[in-house]
């Protein structure tokens, strides 16, 4: 007996950027899209709100084209599949499956990054919420072969931030080649990315974690599993980081950390992080500073050569990483510190984010 699916509405609610370059959002009604042959239509229930959304809306990243007016933002969506395209049969995706939409909405599968399992850097990628309709809406399209299945037992509100923030920091930690028991310094440890990085590093991967952030975030960082918390406000701002660098080294037996991961977008954090490292240490660049592009001030050839340091970049993870990070959540290893708010509060979320007063992550309820 064939099971019929309920009729879908014609219109949906969406949040659009009405004046890119500023924090300005309209809640509007738009048409519900029709899936193409290889696509599925997803009825979203939740979307995470990421600092990258703020940067895209405000055109803060140098080198990128401006965001188009009327862009539907967002790239951390979770919901149920409600309609299948005509050629999705081999994907295994079914009506009713719970799936997630990531920062990279689709990848070609054929370019060099894709062939090297770096599909998050696909040369032909479509970025959700930037020239591709994103997840700040109730219905969104996704390629059947690229959406991420969500395991049972994890709340959708928890899943949403893991599809970008969790995925990003897990990829960075995994790519750092740090061994269990080694020291990892996480700059921006109380932020949306940072508090997840602390949990994954300490509870999921067995690293010893030092969290660096503003003192107001100390409790969150410690609860997340950091062995030590370093309050950046307790150190002078005019000594080129000398005091905080010496303090970090003292916490690691005088040698420095094996790995430093910068989850914040502050150029000063990058300059300090190089000097947090011990011999043969690794700096992992995650946060993208906005505004004018600047080099890492302390990464001069002499120190890199003398200490045999490595500097690597890490983008949001690939499809395999997404499955693995959701498995951490399913096993109770990672729990997002979040607040769930209606779509109408999105502008306020961005204002709080811009002011640096947002603890953990914000998730909007789209149901």
Protein backbone atom coordinates (compact mmCIF):
# COMPACT_ATOMS: atom_id res chain seq x y z
CA UNK A 1 0.00 0.00 0.00
CA UNK A 2 1.42 3.36 -1.04
CA UNK A 3 1.74 5.91 1.78
CA UNK A 4 0.82 9.44 0.75
CA UNK A 5 2.71 12.40 2.14
CA UNK A 6 0.84 15.44 3.48
CA UNK A 7 0.40 18.32 1.07
CA UNK A 8 3.06 21.00 1.51
CA UNK A 9 2.27 24.69 1.89
CA UNK A 10 3.09 27.07 -0.94
CA UNK A 11 4.85 29.68 1.20
CA UNK A 12 7.34 29.68 4.05
CA UNK A 13 8.91 32.09 6.51
CA UNK A 14 12.54 33.15 5.93
CA UNK A 15 15.08 35.63 7.30
CA UNK A 16 16.84 37.65 4.59
CA UNK A 17 19.68 40.16 4.68
CA UNK A 18 17.96 43.35 3.52
CA UNK A 19 21.01 45.62 3.66
CA UNK A 20 24.28 43.65 3.36
CA UNK A 21 27.14 45.49 5.03
CA UNK A 22 25.13 46.02 8.21
CA UNK A 23 23.20 43.96 10.74
CA UNK A 24 19.79 44.26 9.14
CA UNK A 25 17.27 41.44 8.68
CA UNK A 26 13.73 41.15 7.37
CA UNK A 27 11.42 38.24 8.14
CA UNK A 28 9.52 37.61 4.91
CA UNK A 29 7.35 35.04 3.15
CA UNK A 30 8.90 33.31 0.13
CA UNK A 31 8.00 30.38 -2.11
CA UNK A 32 8.89 26.86 -1.07
CA UNK A 33 11.38 25.52 -3.65
CA UNK A 34 10.89 22.43 -5.76
CA UNK A 35 13.67 19.79 -5.57
CA UNK A 36 15.67 19.08 -8.70
CA UNK A 37 16.41 15.50 -9.84
CA UNK A 38 19.27 14.95 -7.37
CA UNK A 39 17.88 17.01 -4.50
CA UNK A 40 15.70 16.56 -1.44
CA UNK A 41 13.42 19.13 0.16
CA UNK A 42 13.95 19.46 3.91
CA UNK A 43 11.49 20.93 6.40
CA UNK A 44 13.91 22.58 8.82
CA UNK A 45 13.12 22.74 12.52
CA UNK A 46 16.34 24.39 13.74
CA UNK A 47 19.25 26.42 12.46
CA UNK A 48 22.40 27.38 14.30
CA UNK A 49 23.66 30.97 14.13
CA UNK A 50 27.38 31.27 13.41
CA UNK A 51 29.85 34.16 13.48
CA UNK A 52 30.46 33.42 9.80
CA UNK A 53 26.83 34.38 9.15
CA UNK A 54 27.53 37.74 10.76
CA UNK A 55 30.66 38.22 8.63
CA UNK A 56 28.80 37.31 5.43
CA UNK A 57 25.90 39.64 6.25
CA UNK A 58 28.23 42.55 7.05
CA UNK A 59 30.68 41.90 4.16
CA UNK A 60 33.50 41.65 6.70
CA UNK A 61 35.78 39.20 4.92
CA UNK A 62 38.28 40.88 2.63
CA UNK A 63 38.59 39.29 -0.79
CA UNK A 64 35.04 37.89 -1.01
CA UNK A 65 32.37 39.34 -3.30
CA UNK A 66 29.64 41.33 -1.54
CA UNK A 67 26.62 39.48 -0.24
CA UNK A 68 23.57 39.98 -2.46
CA UNK A 69 20.59 41.86 -1.05
CA UNK A 70 17.80 39.48 -0.07
CA UNK A 71 20.17 36.59 0.66
CA UNK A 72 18.70 33.91 2.93
CA UNK A 73 21.49 33.27 5.43
CA UNK A 74 22.42 30.35 7.66
CA UNK A 75 24.39 27.13 7.25
CA UNK A 76 23.61 24.89 10.23
CA UNK A 77 20.20 23.41 9.48
CA UNK A 78 18.41 20.31 10.79
CA UNK A 79 15.05 18.92 9.71
CA UNK A 80 13.09 16.13 8.05
CA UNK A 81 13.05 15.21 4.38
CA UNK A 82 9.57 15.89 3.00
CA UNK A 83 10.08 15.52 -0.77
CA UNK A 84 12.48 13.62 -3.03
CA UNK A 85 13.82 14.55 -6.45
CA UNK A 86 13.30 12.14 -9.32
CA UNK A 87 16.86 10.71 -9.27
CA UNK A 88 17.55 10.30 -5.54
CA UNK A 89 16.80 6.59 -5.30
CA UNK A 90 20.44 5.47 -5.00
CA UNK A 91 21.13 7.86 -2.11
CA UNK A 92 19.18 5.82 0.43
CA UNK A 93 17.49 8.98 1.72
CA UNK A 94 13.79 8.52 2.47
CA UNK A 95 10.84 10.73 3.30
CA UNK A 96 10.92 11.39 7.04
CA UNK A 97 14.69 10.99 7.48
CA UNK A 98 16.28 13.57 9.77
CA UNK A 99 19.21 15.22 8.02
CA UNK A 100 21.52 18.19 8.36
CA UNK A 101 22.70 20.92 5.98
CA UNK A 102 26.28 22.13 6.42
CA UNK A 103 28.40 25.20 5.51
CA UNK A 104 29.19 23.57 2.18
CA UNK A 105 25.75 22.95 0.72
CA UNK A 106 27.17 20.88 -2.14
CA UNK A 107 30.51 19.74 -3.56
CA UNK A 108 31.31 18.52 -7.07
CA UNK A 109 33.15 15.33 -6.06
CA UNK A 110 35.56 15.63 -8.99
CA UNK A 111 38.05 18.43 -8.28
CA UNK A 112 41.41 17.97 -6.56
CA UNK A 113 40.22 18.81 -3.01
CA UNK A 114 37.22 16.48 -3.38
CA UNK A 115 39.45 13.66 -4.60
CA UNK A 116 41.67 14.23 -1.54
CA UNK A 117 38.65 13.98 0.83
CA UNK A 118 38.73 17.75 1.36
CA UNK A 119 35.27 18.34 -0.06
CA UNK A 120 34.82 21.28 2.31
CA UNK A 121 37.32 23.10 0.06
CA UNK A 122 35.77 21.99 -3.22
CA UNK A 123 36.68 24.36 -6.04
CA UNK A 124 33.05 24.27 -7.21
CA UNK A 125 31.36 24.34 -3.82
CA UNK A 126 28.13 26.11 -3.03
CA UNK A 127 28.18 27.76 0.38
CA UNK A 128 24.91 27.66 2.29
CA UNK A 129 23.73 31.18 3.06
CA UNK A 130 26.12 32.90 0.61
CA UNK A 131 24.89 33.01 -3.00
CA UNK A 132 22.97 29.82 -2.14
CA UNK A 133 19.75 29.94 -0.08
CA UNK A 134 20.65 29.05 3.49
CA UNK A 135 19.03 27.62 6.60
CA UNK A 136 17.31 30.70 8.05
CA UNK A 137 14.10 29.44 6.45
CA UNK A 138 11.60 26.66 7.05
CA UNK A 139 12.28 24.67 3.87
CA UNK A 140 15.59 24.21 2.09
CA UNK A 141 16.98 22.09 -0.73
CA UNK A 142 20.00 19.83 -0.39
CA UNK A 143 21.78 17.31 -2.62
CA UNK A 144 20.65 13.83 -1.60
CA UNK A 145 24.24 12.59 -1.63
CA UNK A 146 25.60 15.44 0.53
CA UNK A 147 23.17 16.06 3.37
CA UNK A 148 24.23 14.43 6.65
CA UNK A 149 22.06 11.81 8.33
CA UNK A 150 21.40 12.64 11.97
CA UNK A 151 21.65 9.80 14.52
CA UNK A 152 18.75 9.05 16.82
CA UNK A 153 18.87 10.23 20.40
CA UNK A 154 20.35 13.69 19.76
CA UNK A 155 18.12 16.75 19.94
CA UNK A 156 17.94 18.72 16.70
CA UNK A 157 18.82 21.95 18.52
CA UNK A 158 22.05 20.26 19.66
CA UNK A 159 22.83 18.93 16.19
CA UNK A 160 22.58 22.27 14.37
CA UNK A 161 25.75 23.94 15.76
CA UNK A 162 27.72 20.71 15.43
CA UNK A 163 27.24 20.81 11.65
CA UNK A 164 29.58 23.81 11.45
CA UNK A 165 31.16 24.79 14.78
CA UNK A 166 31.62 21.22 16.00
CA UNK A 167 32.67 19.98 12.59
CA UNK A 168 35.17 22.80 12.17
CA UNK A 169 36.97 22.32 15.47
CA UNK A 170 36.93 18.53 15.21
CA UNK A 171 38.58 18.77 11.81
CA UNK A 172 41.19 21.15 13.25
CA UNK A 173 41.94 18.89 16.22
CA UNK A 174 42.09 15.81 14.03
CA UNK A 175 44.36 17.50 11.49
CA UNK A 176 46.76 18.78 14.15
CA UNK A 177 48.07 15.23 14.69
CA UNK A 178 48.17 15.83 18.44
CA UNK A 179 48.58 12.67 20.51
CA UNK A 180 46.52 11.79 23.61
CA UNK A 181 48.07 13.29 26.72
CA UNK A 182 49.66 16.21 24.89
CA UNK A 183 48.94 19.87 25.60
CA UNK A 184 46.55 21.89 23.43
CA UNK A 185 45.95 25.60 23.91
CA UNK A 186 42.58 26.78 22.59
CA UNK A 187 42.26 30.53 22.07
CA UNK A 188 38.66 31.72 22.19
CA UNK A 189 37.82 28.70 24.35
CA UNK A 190 34.51 30.10 25.62
CA UNK A 191 33.08 30.95 22.23
CA UNK A 192 30.76 29.03 19.96
CA UNK A 193 33.61 27.07 18.40
CA UNK A 194 35.93 27.11 21.38
CA UNK A 195 33.73 25.45 24.00
CA UNK A 196 33.09 22.59 21.58
CA UNK A 197 36.80 22.31 20.83
CA UNK A 198 37.51 22.03 24.56
CA UNK A 199 34.98 19.20 24.96
CA UNK A 200 36.08 17.25 21.91
CA UNK A 201 39.78 17.67 22.74
CA UNK A 202 39.54 16.76 26.42
CA UNK A 203 36.66 14.27 26.58
CA UNK A 204 36.72 12.82 23.09
CA UNK A 205 40.41 12.76 22.12
CA UNK A 206 42.26 12.66 25.44
CA UNK A 207 44.22 15.92 25.10
CA UNK A 208 45.23 18.16 28.01
CA UNK A 209 43.54 21.49 27.37
CA UNK A 210 44.37 25.04 28.32
CA UNK A 211 41.50 27.40 27.49
CA UNK A 212 42.22 31.08 26.83
CA UNK A 213 39.42 33.65 26.82
CA UNK A 214 37.78 36.55 28.65
CA UNK A 215 37.28 35.96 32.36
CA UNK A 216 33.48 35.99 32.01
CA UNK A 217 33.73 32.67 30.18
CA UNK A 218 35.84 30.85 32.77
CA UNK A 219 33.05 28.67 34.17
CA UNK A 220 31.91 27.50 30.72
CA UNK A 221 35.47 26.63 29.68
CA UNK A 222 36.16 24.69 32.87
CA UNK A 223 32.85 22.83 32.64
CA UNK A 224 33.75 21.90 29.08
CA UNK A 225 36.80 20.05 30.33
CA UNK A 226 39.76 22.44 30.28
CA UNK A 227 42.51 21.54 32.74
CA UNK A 228 43.48 25.21 33.04
CA UNK A 229 41.74 28.48 32.19
CA UNK A 230 43.71 31.61 31.30
CA UNK A 231 41.90 34.94 31.62
CA UNK A 232 43.26 37.29 28.93
CA UNK A 233 42.11 40.34 30.91
CA UNK A 234 44.63 39.55 33.67
CA UNK A 235 47.62 40.22 31.45
CA UNK A 236 49.01 43.51 30.11
CA UNK A 237 48.11 44.47 26.55
CA UNK A 238 51.31 46.44 25.92
CA UNK A 239 54.03 43.81 26.43
CA UNK A 240 53.69 41.95 23.09
CA UNK A 241 52.13 39.06 24.97
CA UNK A 242 55.23 38.30 27.05
CA UNK A 243 53.37 37.75 30.35
CA UNK A 244 50.65 35.46 28.99
CA UNK A 245 53.20 33.51 26.95
CA UNK A 246 55.31 32.87 30.04
CA UNK A 247 52.22 31.84 31.99
CA UNK A 248 51.17 29.33 29.33
CA UNK A 249 54.66 27.85 29.35
CA UNK A 250 54.60 27.55 33.15
CA UNK A 251 51.40 25.48 32.92
CA UNK A 252 53.10 23.03 30.56
CA UNK A 253 56.26 22.41 32.54
CA UNK A 254 58.10 25.34 30.97
CA UNK A 255 58.16 23.90 27.45
CA UNK A 256 54.97 25.20 25.87
CA UNK A 257 52.03 23.48 24.22
CA UNK A 258 52.25 20.83 21.52
CA UNK A 259 49.38 22.47 19.65
CA UNK A 260 47.66 25.85 19.64
CA UNK A 261 44.29 26.21 17.96
CA UNK A 262 42.96 29.71 17.38
CA UNK A 263 39.16 29.71 17.32
CA UNK A 264 38.82 33.47 17.70
CA UNK A 265 39.09 36.03 14.90
CA UNK A 266 41.60 38.28 16.71
CA UNK A 267 44.94 38.91 14.99
CA UNK A 268 46.58 39.32 18.42
CA UNK A 269 45.54 35.77 19.34
CA UNK A 270 47.44 34.41 16.35
CA UNK A 271 50.57 36.38 17.22
CA UNK A 272 50.53 35.06 20.80
CA UNK A 273 49.67 31.49 19.82
CA UNK A 274 52.86 30.99 17.82
CA UNK A 275 54.82 31.70 20.98
CA UNK A 276 52.71 29.34 23.11
CA UNK A 277 54.29 26.42 21.24
CA UNK A 278 57.13 24.13 22.25
CA UNK A 279 59.71 22.67 19.89
CA UNK A 280 58.04 21.06 16.85
CA UNK A 281 54.65 22.48 17.87
CA UNK A 282 51.75 23.16 15.54
CA UNK A 283 49.60 26.25 15.15
CA UNK A 284 46.18 25.53 13.63
CA UNK A 285 44.41 28.51 12.06
CA UNK A 286 40.62 28.32 12.33
CA UNK A 287 39.16 31.77 13.08
CA UNK A 288 39.21 34.21 10.16
CA UNK A 289 39.91 37.81 11.21
CA UNK A 290 37.61 40.35 9.60
CA UNK A 291 38.64 43.60 7.97
CA UNK A 292 42.11 44.25 6.60
CA UNK A 293 44.20 41.11 6.07
CA UNK A 294 47.30 41.02 8.28
CA UNK A 295 50.17 38.54 8.59
CA UNK A 296 50.85 36.70 11.85
CA UNK A 297 53.22 39.16 13.49
CA UNK A 298 55.34 36.65 15.41
CA UNK A 299 55.64 34.02 12.66
CA UNK A 300 59.01 35.18 11.35
CA UNK A 301 61.28 32.59 9.68
CA UNK A 302 63.84 32.52 12.48
CA UNK A 303 61.48 31.20 15.16
CA UNK A 304 59.81 28.78 12.73
CA UNK A 305 63.17 27.32 11.77
CA UNK A 306 64.76 27.31 15.24
CA UNK A 307 61.75 25.61 16.87
CA UNK A 308 60.71 23.55 13.81
CA UNK A 309 57.19 24.91 14.06
CA UNK A 310 54.32 24.13 11.73
CA UNK A 311 51.45 26.42 10.78
CA UNK A 312 48.45 24.83 9.12
CA UNK A 313 45.04 26.04 8.06
CA UNK A 314 41.88 24.08 8.77
CA UNK A 315 38.51 24.66 7.16
CA UNK A 316 35.23 23.06 8.13
CA UNK A 317 35.53 19.27 7.99
CA UNK A 318 34.42 16.81 5.33
CA UNK A 319 31.45 14.43 5.15
CA UNK A 320 33.22 11.74 7.18
CA UNK A 321 34.14 14.24 9.91
CA UNK A 322 30.47 15.30 10.10
CA UNK A 323 29.36 11.74 10.81
CA UNK A 324 32.09 11.32 13.44
CA UNK A 325 31.33 14.55 15.30
CA UNK A 326 27.61 13.71 15.47
CA UNK A 327 28.63 10.35 16.91
CA UNK A 328 30.39 12.21 19.75
CA UNK A 329 27.05 13.89 20.48
CA UNK A 330 25.12 10.62 20.28
CA UNK A 331 27.50 9.12 22.86
CA UNK A 332 27.11 12.08 25.19
CA UNK A 333 30.71 13.28 24.82
CA UNK A 334 29.80 16.68 23.40
CA UNK A 335 26.96 18.94 24.51
CA UNK A 336 26.47 22.36 23.00
CA UNK A 337 25.96 25.24 25.43
CA UNK A 338 23.11 26.99 23.64
CA UNK A 339 20.04 29.12 23.83
CA UNK A 340 17.08 28.47 21.52
CA UNK A 341 15.21 31.52 20.24
CA UNK A 342 12.57 32.29 17.59
CA UNK A 343 13.58 33.58 14.17
CA UNK A 344 12.34 37.05 15.15
CA UNK A 345 15.24 37.31 17.64
CA UNK A 346 17.88 36.81 14.95
CA UNK A 347 18.88 40.49 14.74
CA UNK A 348 19.42 40.61 18.51
CA UNK A 349 21.52 37.44 18.35
CA UNK A 350 23.78 39.10 15.81
CA UNK A 351 24.01 42.28 17.88
CA UNK A 352 25.06 40.23 20.93
CA UNK A 353 27.52 38.30 18.79
CA UNK A 354 29.02 41.52 17.45
CA UNK A 355 29.38 42.85 20.99
CA UNK A 356 31.10 39.64 22.12
CA UNK A 357 28.49 39.01 24.81
CA UNK A 358 27.06 35.76 23.41
CA UNK A 359 28.00 32.71 25.47
CA UNK A 360 28.21 29.43 23.56
CA UNK A 361 25.83 29.15 20.60
CA UNK A 362 22.44 30.47 19.57
CA UNK A 363 19.94 28.30 17.70
CA UNK A 364 16.73 29.53 16.08
CA UNK A 365 13.58 27.44 16.24
CA UNK A 366 11.98 27.26 12.79
CA UNK A 367 9.08 24.95 13.60
